[in-house]
Amino acid sequence: MHNYLLTKAQKRVLNEIALYIEEKNYPPAIRGICERLNLASSSTVKGHLDSLKEKGYLTWKEGKPRTLRMLISIEKKQK
């Protein structure tokens, strides 16, 4: 069984992705998430994305840019 609870950092990343998609109608790149969250390391964001994918919140096509897709919102998943 997966642990679906998110860390504060994972929630921030997921919320930022949702806001970006709402504003621009397409998903952000990892570097864009870094910029919006004032993070210097893209590997930090990639780690959060991997965790969110494992927990069932996100998916994407490996090696393809801007294919990030939200599968379920924070509110729905944590109820």
PDB file of N, CA and C in Angstrom:
ATOM      1  N   MET A   1       0.840  -1.189   0.000  1.00  0.00           N
ATOM      2  CA  MET A   1       0.000   0.000   0.000  1.00  0.00           C
ATOM      3  C   MET A   1       0.879   1.245   0.000  1.00  0.00           C
ATOM      4  N   HIS A   2       0.532   2.202  -0.828  1.00  0.00           N
ATOM      5  CA  HIS A   2       1.291   3.444  -0.929  1.00  0.00           C
ATOM      6  C   HIS A   2       0.926   4.402   0.195  1.00  0.00           C
ATOM      7  N   ASN A   3       1.890   5.217   0.574  1.00  0.00           N
ATOM      8  CA  ASN A   3       1.631   6.311   1.502  1.00  0.00           C
ATOM      9  C   ASN A   3       1.266   7.527   0.666  1.00  0.00           C
ATOM     10  N   TYR A   4       0.002   7.904   0.678  1.00  0.00           N
ATOM     11  CA  TYR A   4      -0.479   8.980  -0.180  1.00  0.00           C
ATOM     12  C   TYR A   4      -0.310  10.358   0.437  1.00  0.00           C
ATOM     13  N   LEU A   5       0.108  10.440   1.696  1.00  0.00           N
ATOM     14  CA  LEU A   5       0.295  11.740   2.317  1.00  0.00           C
ATOM     15  C   LEU A   5       1.496  12.435   1.701  1.00  0.00           C
ATOM     16  N   LEU A   6       1.353  13.723   1.498  1.00  0.00           N
ATOM     17  CA  LEU A   6       2.405  14.502   0.867  1.00  0.00           C
ATOM     18  C   LEU A   6       3.168  15.331   1.881  1.00  0.00           C
ATOM     19  N   THR A   7       4.436  15.558   1.590  1.00  0.00           N
ATOM     20  CA  THR A   7       5.221  16.486   2.395  1.00  0.00           C
ATOM     21  C   THR A   7       4.811  17.906   2.003  1.00  0.00           C
ATOM     22  N   LYS A   8       5.208  18.872   2.815  1.00  0.00           N
ATOM     23  CA  LYS A   8       4.911  20.274   2.482  1.00  0.00           C
ATOM     24  C   LYS A   8       5.524  20.649   1.142  1.00  0.00           C
ATOM     25  N   ALA A   9       6.743  20.194   0.902  1.00  0.00           N
ATOM     26  CA  ALA A   9       7.420  20.510  -0.359  1.00  0.00           C
ATOM     27  C   ALA A   9       6.683  19.892  -1.551  1.00  0.00           C
ATOM     28  N   GLN A  10       6.216  18.662  -1.407  1.00  0.00           N
ATOM     29  CA  GLN A  10       5.473  18.016  -2.489  1.00  0.00           C
ATOM     30  C   GLN A  10       4.164  18.750  -2.758  1.00  0.00           C
ATOM     31  N   LYS A  11       3.499  19.201  -1.702  1.00  0.00           N
ATOM     32  CA  LYS A  11       2.270  19.983  -1.875  1.00  0.00           C
ATOM     33  C   LYS A  11       2.551  21.274  -2.624  1.00  0.00           C
ATOM     34  N   ARG A  12       3.657  21.945  -2.277  1.00  0.00           N
ATOM     35  CA  ARG A  12       4.028  23.189  -2.966  1.00  0.00           C
ATOM     36  C   ARG A  12       4.261  22.933  -4.452  1.00  0.00           C
ATOM     37  N   VAL A  13       4.976  21.871  -4.759  1.00  0.00           N
ATOM     38  CA  VAL A  13       5.257  21.540  -6.156  1.00  0.00           C
ATOM     39  C   VAL A  13       3.958  21.230  -6.894  1.00  0.00           C
ATOM     40  N   LEU A  14       3.112  20.416  -6.314  1.00  0.00           N
ATOM     41  CA  LEU A  14       1.850  20.042  -6.953  1.00  0.00           C
ATOM     42  C   LEU A  14       0.951  21.259  -7.150  1.00  0.00           C
ATOM     43  N   ASN A  15       0.860  22.113  -6.143  1.00  0.00           N
ATOM     44  CA  ASN A  15       0.058  23.333  -6.265  1.00  0.00           C
ATOM     45  C   ASN A  15       0.602  24.244  -7.356  1.00  0.00           C
ATOM     46  N   GLU A  16       1.905  24.366  -7.436  1.00  0.00           N
ATOM     47  CA  GLU A  16       2.518  25.222  -8.449  1.00  0.00           C
ATOM     48  C   GLU A  16       2.261  24.684  -9.848  1.00  0.00           C
ATOM     49  N   ILE A  17       2.309  23.383 -10.001  1.00  0.00           N
ATOM     50  CA  ILE A  17       1.998  22.770 -11.295  1.00  0.00           C
ATOM     51  C   ILE A  17       0.553  23.074 -11.679  1.00  0.00           C
ATOM     52  N   ALA A  18      -0.364  22.912 -10.739  1.00  0.00           N
ATOM     53  CA  ALA A  18      -1.783  23.179 -11.004  1.00  0.00           C
ATOM     54  C   ALA A  18      -1.996  24.636 -11.406  1.00  0.00           C
ATOM     55  N   LEU A  19      -1.360  25.562 -10.688  1.00  0.00           N
ATOM     56  CA  LEU A  19      -1.484  26.987 -11.018  1.00  0.00           C
ATOM     57  C   LEU A  19      -0.920  27.284 -12.404  1.00  0.00           C
ATOM     58  N   TYR A  20       0.220  26.711 -12.705  1.00  0.00           N
ATOM     59  CA  TYR A  20       0.860  26.932 -14.003  1.00  0.00           C
ATOM     60  C   TYR A  20      -0.053  26.451 -15.131  1.00  0.00           C
ATOM     61  N   ILE A  21      -0.579  25.249 -14.985  1.00  0.00           N
ATOM     62  CA  ILE A  21      -1.466  24.698 -16.013  1.00  0.00           C
ATOM     63  C   ILE A  21      -2.712  25.563 -16.157  1.00  0.00           C
ATOM     64  N   GLU A  22      -3.247  26.036 -15.046  1.00  0.00           N
ATOM     65  CA  GLU A  22      -4.430  26.896 -15.082  1.00  0.00           C
ATOM     66  C   GLU A  22      -4.134  28.207 -15.812  1.00  0.00           C
ATOM     67  N   GLU A  23      -2.964  28.780 -15.565  1.00  0.00           N
ATOM     68  CA  GLU A  23      -2.584  30.053 -16.184  1.00  0.00           C
ATOM     69  C   GLU A  23      -2.236  29.916 -17.664  1.00  0.00           C
ATOM     70  N   LYS A  24      -1.487  28.882 -18.014  1.00  0.00           N
ATOM     71  CA  LYS A  24      -0.911  28.791 -19.362  1.00  0.00           C
ATOM     72  C   LYS A  24      -1.565  27.740 -20.259  1.00  0.00           C
ATOM     73  N   ASN A  25      -2.367  26.868 -19.682  1.00  0.00           N
ATOM     74  CA  ASN A  25      -3.024  25.784 -20.423  1.00  0.00           C
ATOM     75  C   ASN A  25      -2.057  24.746 -20.982  1.00  0.00           C
ATOM     76  N   TYR A  26      -0.875  24.652 -20.405  1.00  0.00           N
ATOM     77  CA  TYR A  26       0.067  23.573 -20.710  1.00  0.00           C
ATOM     78  C   TYR A  26       0.963  23.387 -19.496  1.00  0.00           C
ATOM     79  N   PRO A  27       1.560  22.225 -19.348  1.00  0.00           N
ATOM     80  CA  PRO A  27       2.344  21.939 -18.138  1.00  0.00           C
ATOM     81  C   PRO A  27       3.713  22.615 -18.147  1.00  0.00           C
ATOM     82  N   PRO A  28       4.252  22.856 -16.966  1.00  0.00           N
ATOM     83  CA  PRO A  28       5.571  23.481 -16.870  1.00  0.00           C
ATOM     84  C   PRO A  28       6.692  22.478 -17.118  1.00  0.00           C
ATOM     85  N   ALA A  29       7.837  23.010 -17.500  1.00  0.00           N
ATOM     86  CA  ALA A  29       9.062  22.216 -17.539  1.00  0.00           C
ATOM     87  C   ALA A  29       9.650  22.216 -16.127  1.00  0.00           C
ATOM     88  N   ILE A  30      10.553  21.306 -15.857  1.00  0.00           N
ATOM     89  CA  ILE A  30      11.170  21.234 -14.526  1.00  0.00           C
ATOM     90  C   ILE A  30      11.824  22.561 -14.170  1.00  0.00           C
ATOM     91  N   ARG A  31      12.539  23.154 -15.113  1.00  0.00           N
ATOM     92  CA  ARG A  31      13.207  24.435 -14.846  1.00  0.00           C
ATOM     93  C   ARG A  31      12.180  25.519 -14.496  1.00  0.00           C
ATOM     94  N   GLY A  32      11.027  25.500 -15.126  1.00  0.00           N
ATOM     95  CA  GLY A  32       9.970  26.458 -14.813  1.00  0.00           C
ATOM     96  C   GLY A  32       9.451  26.294 -13.393  1.00  0.00           C
ATOM     97  N   ILE A  33       9.332  25.063 -12.936  1.00  0.00           N
ATOM     98  CA  ILE A  33       8.916  24.807 -11.555  1.00  0.00           C
ATOM     99  C   ILE A  33       9.976  25.345 -10.603  1.00  0.00           C
ATOM    100  N   CYS A  34      11.241  25.106 -10.925  1.00  0.00           N
ATOM    101  CA  CYS A  34      12.348  25.633 -10.100  1.00  0.00           C
ATOM    102  C   CYS A  34      12.242  27.146  -9.960  1.00  0.00           C
ATOM    103  N   GLU A  35      12.045  27.829 -11.070  1.00  0.00           N
ATOM    104  CA  GLU A  35      11.970  29.288 -11.061  1.00  0.00           C
ATOM    105  C   GLU A  35      10.798  29.780 -10.225  1.00  0.00           C
ATOM    106  N   ARG A  36       9.651  29.167 -10.385  1.00  0.00           N
ATOM    107  CA  ARG A  36       8.459  29.618  -9.656  1.00  0.00           C
ATOM    108  C   ARG A  36       8.568  29.371  -8.157  1.00  0.00           C
ATOM    109  N   LEU A  37       9.334  28.358  -7.768  1.00  0.00           N
ATOM    110  CA  LEU A  37       9.489  28.038  -6.345  1.00  0.00           C
ATOM    111  C   LEU A  37      10.820  28.534  -5.776  1.00  0.00           C
ATOM    112  N   ASN A  38      11.568  29.273  -6.587  1.00  0.00           N
ATOM    113  CA  ASN A  38      12.875  29.799  -6.168  1.00  0.00           C
ATOM    114  C   ASN A  38      13.820  28.693  -5.699  1.00  0.00           C
ATOM    115  N   LEU A  39      13.859  27.615  -6.450  1.00  0.00           N
ATOM    116  CA  LEU A  39      14.763  26.506  -6.158  1.00  0.00           C
ATOM    117  C   LEU A  39      15.882  26.498  -7.192  1.00  0.00           C
ATOM    118  N   ALA A  40      17.096  26.282  -6.741  1.00  0.00           N
ATOM    119  CA  ALA A  40      18.248  26.300  -7.643  1.00  0.00           C
ATOM    120  C   ALA A  40      18.461  24.964  -8.345  1.00  0.00           C
ATOM    121  N   SER A  41      18.048  23.880  -7.717  1.00  0.00           N
ATOM    122  CA  SER A  41      18.370  22.549  -8.225  1.00  0.00           C
ATOM    123  C   SER A  41      17.181  21.886  -8.921  1.00  0.00           C
ATOM    124  N   SER A  42      17.372  21.568 -10.188  1.00  0.00           N
ATOM    125  CA  SER A  42      16.319  20.849 -10.908  1.00  0.00           C
ATOM    126  C   SER A  42      16.208  19.406 -10.414  1.00  0.00           C
ATOM    127  N   SER A  43      17.287  18.873  -9.844  1.00  0.00           N
ATOM    128  CA  SER A  43      17.221  17.502  -9.328  1.00  0.00           C
ATOM    129  C   SER A  43      16.322  17.418  -8.094  1.00  0.00           C
ATOM    130  N   THR A  44      16.237  18.501  -7.324  1.00  0.00           N
ATOM    131  CA  THR A  44      15.315  18.541  -6.180  1.00  0.00           C
ATOM    132  C   THR A  44      13.879  18.434  -6.673  1.00  0.00           C
ATOM    133  N   VAL A  45      13.549  19.218  -7.685  1.00  0.00           N
ATOM    134  CA  VAL A  45      12.197  19.182  -8.253  1.00  0.00           C
ATOM    135  C   VAL A  45      11.928  17.812  -8.868  1.00  0.00           C
ATOM    136  N   LYS A  46      12.895  17.262  -9.572  1.00  0.00           N
ATOM    137  CA  LYS A  46      12.717  15.933 -10.182  1.00  0.00           C
ATOM    138  C   LYS A  46      12.436  14.880  -9.116  1.00  0.00           C
ATOM    139  N   GLY A  47      13.100  14.984  -7.979  1.00  0.00           N
ATOM    140  CA  GLY A  47      12.842  14.059  -6.880  1.00  0.00           C
ATOM    141  C   GLY A  47      11.416  14.160  -6.371  1.00  0.00           C
ATOM    142  N   HIS A  48      10.923  15.402  -6.245  1.00  0.00           N
ATOM    143  CA  HIS A  48       9.534  15.597  -5.817  1.00  0.00           C
ATOM    144  C   HIS A  48       8.566  15.052  -6.872  1.00  0.00           C
ATOM    145  N   LEU A  49       8.864  15.297  -8.140  1.00  0.00           N
ATOM    146  CA  LEU A  49       8.004  14.786  -9.209  1.00  0.00           C
ATOM    147  C   LEU A  49       7.961  13.261  -9.207  1.00  0.00           C
ATOM    148  N   ASP A  50       9.106  12.636  -9.011  1.00  0.00           N
ATOM    149  CA  ASP A  50       9.144  11.169  -8.946  1.00  0.00           C
ATOM    150  C   ASP A  50       8.284  10.643  -7.798  1.00  0.00           C
ATOM    151  N   SER A  51       8.359  11.301  -6.645  1.00  0.00           N
ATOM    152  CA  SER A  51       7.543  10.891  -5.491  1.00  0.00           C
ATOM    153  C   SER A  51       6.064  11.084  -5.775  1.00  0.00           C
ATOM    154  N   LEU A  52       5.717  12.204  -6.404  1.00  0.00           N
ATOM    155  CA  LEU A  52       4.317  12.477  -6.730  1.00  0.00           C
ATOM    156  C   LEU A  52       3.785  11.475  -7.757  1.00  0.00           C
ATOM    157  N   LYS A  53       4.631  11.068  -8.668  1.00  0.00           N
ATOM    158  CA  LYS A  53       4.225  10.048  -9.646  1.00  0.00           C
ATOM    159  C   LYS A  53       3.988   8.714  -8.947  1.00  0.00           C
ATOM    160  N   GLU A  54       4.895   8.344  -8.069  1.00  0.00           N
ATOM    161  CA  GLU A  54       4.770   7.085  -7.329  1.00  0.00           C
ATOM    162  C   GLU A  54       3.502   7.060  -6.478  1.00  0.00           C
ATOM    163  N   LYS A  55       3.121   8.213  -5.945  1.00  0.00           N
ATOM    164  CA  LYS A  55       1.934   8.304  -5.092  1.00  0.00           C
ATOM    165  C   LYS A  55       0.648   8.467  -5.893  1.00  0.00           C
ATOM    166  N   GLY A  56       0.759   8.567  -7.218  1.00  0.00           N
ATOM    167  CA  GLY A  56      -0.430   8.594  -8.064  1.00  0.00           C
ATOM    168  C   GLY A  56      -1.005   9.963  -8.352  1.00  0.00           C
ATOM    169  N   TYR A  57      -0.248  11.021  -8.118  1.00  0.00           N
ATOM    170  CA  TYR A  57      -0.738  12.374  -8.370  1.00  0.00           C
ATOM    171  C   TYR A  57      -0.420  12.868  -9.775  1.00  0.00           C
ATOM    172  N   LEU A  58       0.687  12.405 -10.343  1.00  0.00           N
ATOM    173  CA  LEU A  58       1.169  12.887 -11.638  1.00  0.00           C
ATOM    174  C   LEU A  58       1.584  11.727 -12.525  1.00  0.00           C
ATOM    175  N   THR A  59       1.671  12.025 -13.809  1.00  0.00           N
ATOM    176  CA  THR A  59       2.296  11.117 -14.757  1.00  0.00           C
ATOM    177  C   THR A  59       2.934  11.952 -15.857  1.00  0.00           C
ATOM    178  N   TRP A  60       3.807  11.347 -16.641  1.00  0.00           N
ATOM    179  CA  TRP A  60       4.414  11.998 -17.798  1.00  0.00           C
ATOM    180  C   TRP A  60       5.042  10.929 -18.678  1.00  0.00           C
ATOM    181  N   LYS A  61       5.357  11.328 -19.901  1.00  0.00           N
ATOM    182  CA  LYS A  61       6.041  10.434 -20.836  1.00  0.00           C
ATOM    183  C   LYS A  61       7.530  10.698 -20.710  1.00  0.00           C
ATOM    184  N   GLU A  62       8.281   9.672 -20.340  1.00  0.00           N
ATOM    185  CA  GLU A  62       9.730   9.795 -20.169  1.00  0.00           C
ATOM    186  C   GLU A  62      10.387  10.298 -21.450  1.00  0.00           C
ATOM    187  N   GLY A  63      11.274  11.263 -21.295  1.00  0.00           N
ATOM    188  CA  GLY A  63      12.033  11.779 -22.421  1.00  0.00           C
ATOM    189  C   GLY A  63      11.292  12.761 -23.307  1.00  0.00           C
ATOM    190  N   LYS A  64      10.044  13.041 -22.991  1.00  0.00           N
ATOM    191  CA  LYS A  64       9.241  13.977 -23.778  1.00  0.00           C
ATOM    192  C   LYS A  64       8.994  15.238 -22.952  1.00  0.00           C
ATOM    193  N   PRO A  65       9.291  16.410 -23.508  1.00  0.00           N
ATOM    194  CA  PRO A  65       9.081  17.650 -22.753  1.00  0.00           C
ATOM    195  C   PRO A  65       7.603  18.001 -22.610  1.00  0.00           C
ATOM    196  N   ARG A  66       7.294  18.607 -21.492  1.00  0.00           N
ATOM    197  CA  ARG A  66       5.959  19.152 -21.203  1.00  0.00           C
ATOM    198  C   ARG A  66       4.823  18.147 -21.366  1.00  0.00           C
ATOM    199  N   THR A  67       5.055  16.931 -20.916  1.00  0.00           N
ATOM    200  CA  THR A  67       3.990  15.919 -20.944  1.00  0.00           C
ATOM    201  C   THR A  67       3.447  15.647 -19.546  1.00  0.00           C
ATOM    202  N   LEU A  68       3.864  16.450 -18.591  1.00  0.00           N
ATOM    203  CA  LEU A  68       3.418  16.314 -17.206  1.00  0.00           C
ATOM    204  C   LEU A  68       1.902  16.452 -17.145  1.00  0.00           C
ATOM    205  N   ARG A  69       1.255  15.530 -16.452  1.00  0.00           N
ATOM    206  CA  ARG A  69      -0.203  15.545 -16.358  1.00  0.00           C
ATOM    207  C   ARG A  69      -0.617  15.225 -14.935  1.00  0.00           C
ATOM    208  N   MET A  70      -1.511  16.039 -14.396  1.00  0.00           N
ATOM    209  CA  MET A  70      -2.047  15.775 -13.059  1.00  0.00           C
ATOM    210  C   MET A  70      -3.130  14.712 -13.187  1.00  0.00           C
ATOM    211  N   LEU A  71      -3.053  13.708 -12.329  1.00  0.00           N
ATOM    212  CA  LEU A  71      -4.044  12.635 -12.351  1.00  0.00           C
ATOM    213  C   LEU A  71      -5.175  12.895 -11.377  1.00  0.00           C
ATOM    214  N   ILE A  72      -4.855  13.577 -10.287  1.00  0.00           N
ATOM    215  CA  ILE A  72      -5.857  13.837  -9.259  1.00  0.00           C
ATOM    216  C   ILE A  72      -5.391  14.997  -8.399  1.00  0.00           C
ATOM    217  N   SER A  73      -6.330  15.775  -7.896  1.00  0.00           N
ATOM    218  CA  SER A  73      -5.970  16.932  -7.074  1.00  0.00           C
ATOM    219  C   SER A  73      -5.606  16.500  -5.655  1.00  0.00           C
ATOM    220  N   ILE A  74      -4.942  17.369  -4.947  1.00  0.00           N
ATOM    221  CA  ILE A  74      -4.562  17.102  -3.556  1.00  0.00           C
ATOM    222  C   ILE A  74      -5.797  16.827  -2.711  1.00  0.00           C
ATOM    223  N   GLU A  75      -6.815  17.658  -2.869  1.00  0.00           N
ATOM    224  CA  GLU A  75      -8.015  17.540  -2.038  1.00  0.00           C
ATOM    225  C   GLU A  75      -8.685  16.181  -2.216  1.00  0.00           C
ATOM    226  N   LYS A  76      -8.813  15.723  -3.451  1.00  0.00           N
ATOM    227  CA  LYS A  76      -9.472  14.442  -3.710  1.00  0.00           C
ATOM    228  C   LYS A  76      -8.652  13.272  -3.187  1.00  0.00           C
ATOM    229  N   LYS A  77      -7.340  13.327  -3.361  1.00  0.00           N
ATOM    230  CA  LYS A  77      -6.487  12.202  -2.994  1.00  0.00           C
ATOM    231  C   LYS A  77      -6.396  12.023  -1.486  1.00  0.00           C
ATOM    232  N   GLN A  78      -6.384  13.123  -0.723  1.00  0.00           N
ATOM    233  CA  GLN A  78      -6.160  13.020   0.713  1.00  0.00           C
ATOM    234  C   GLN A  78      -7.445  12.885   1.522  1.00  0.00           C
ATOM    235  N   LYS A  79      -8.586  12.717   0.876  1.00  0.00           N
ATOM    236  CA  LYS A  79      -9.841  12.504   1.613  1.00  0.00           C
ATOM    237  C   LYS A  79     -10.025  11.047   1.933  1.00  0.00           C
TER     238      LYS A  79
END
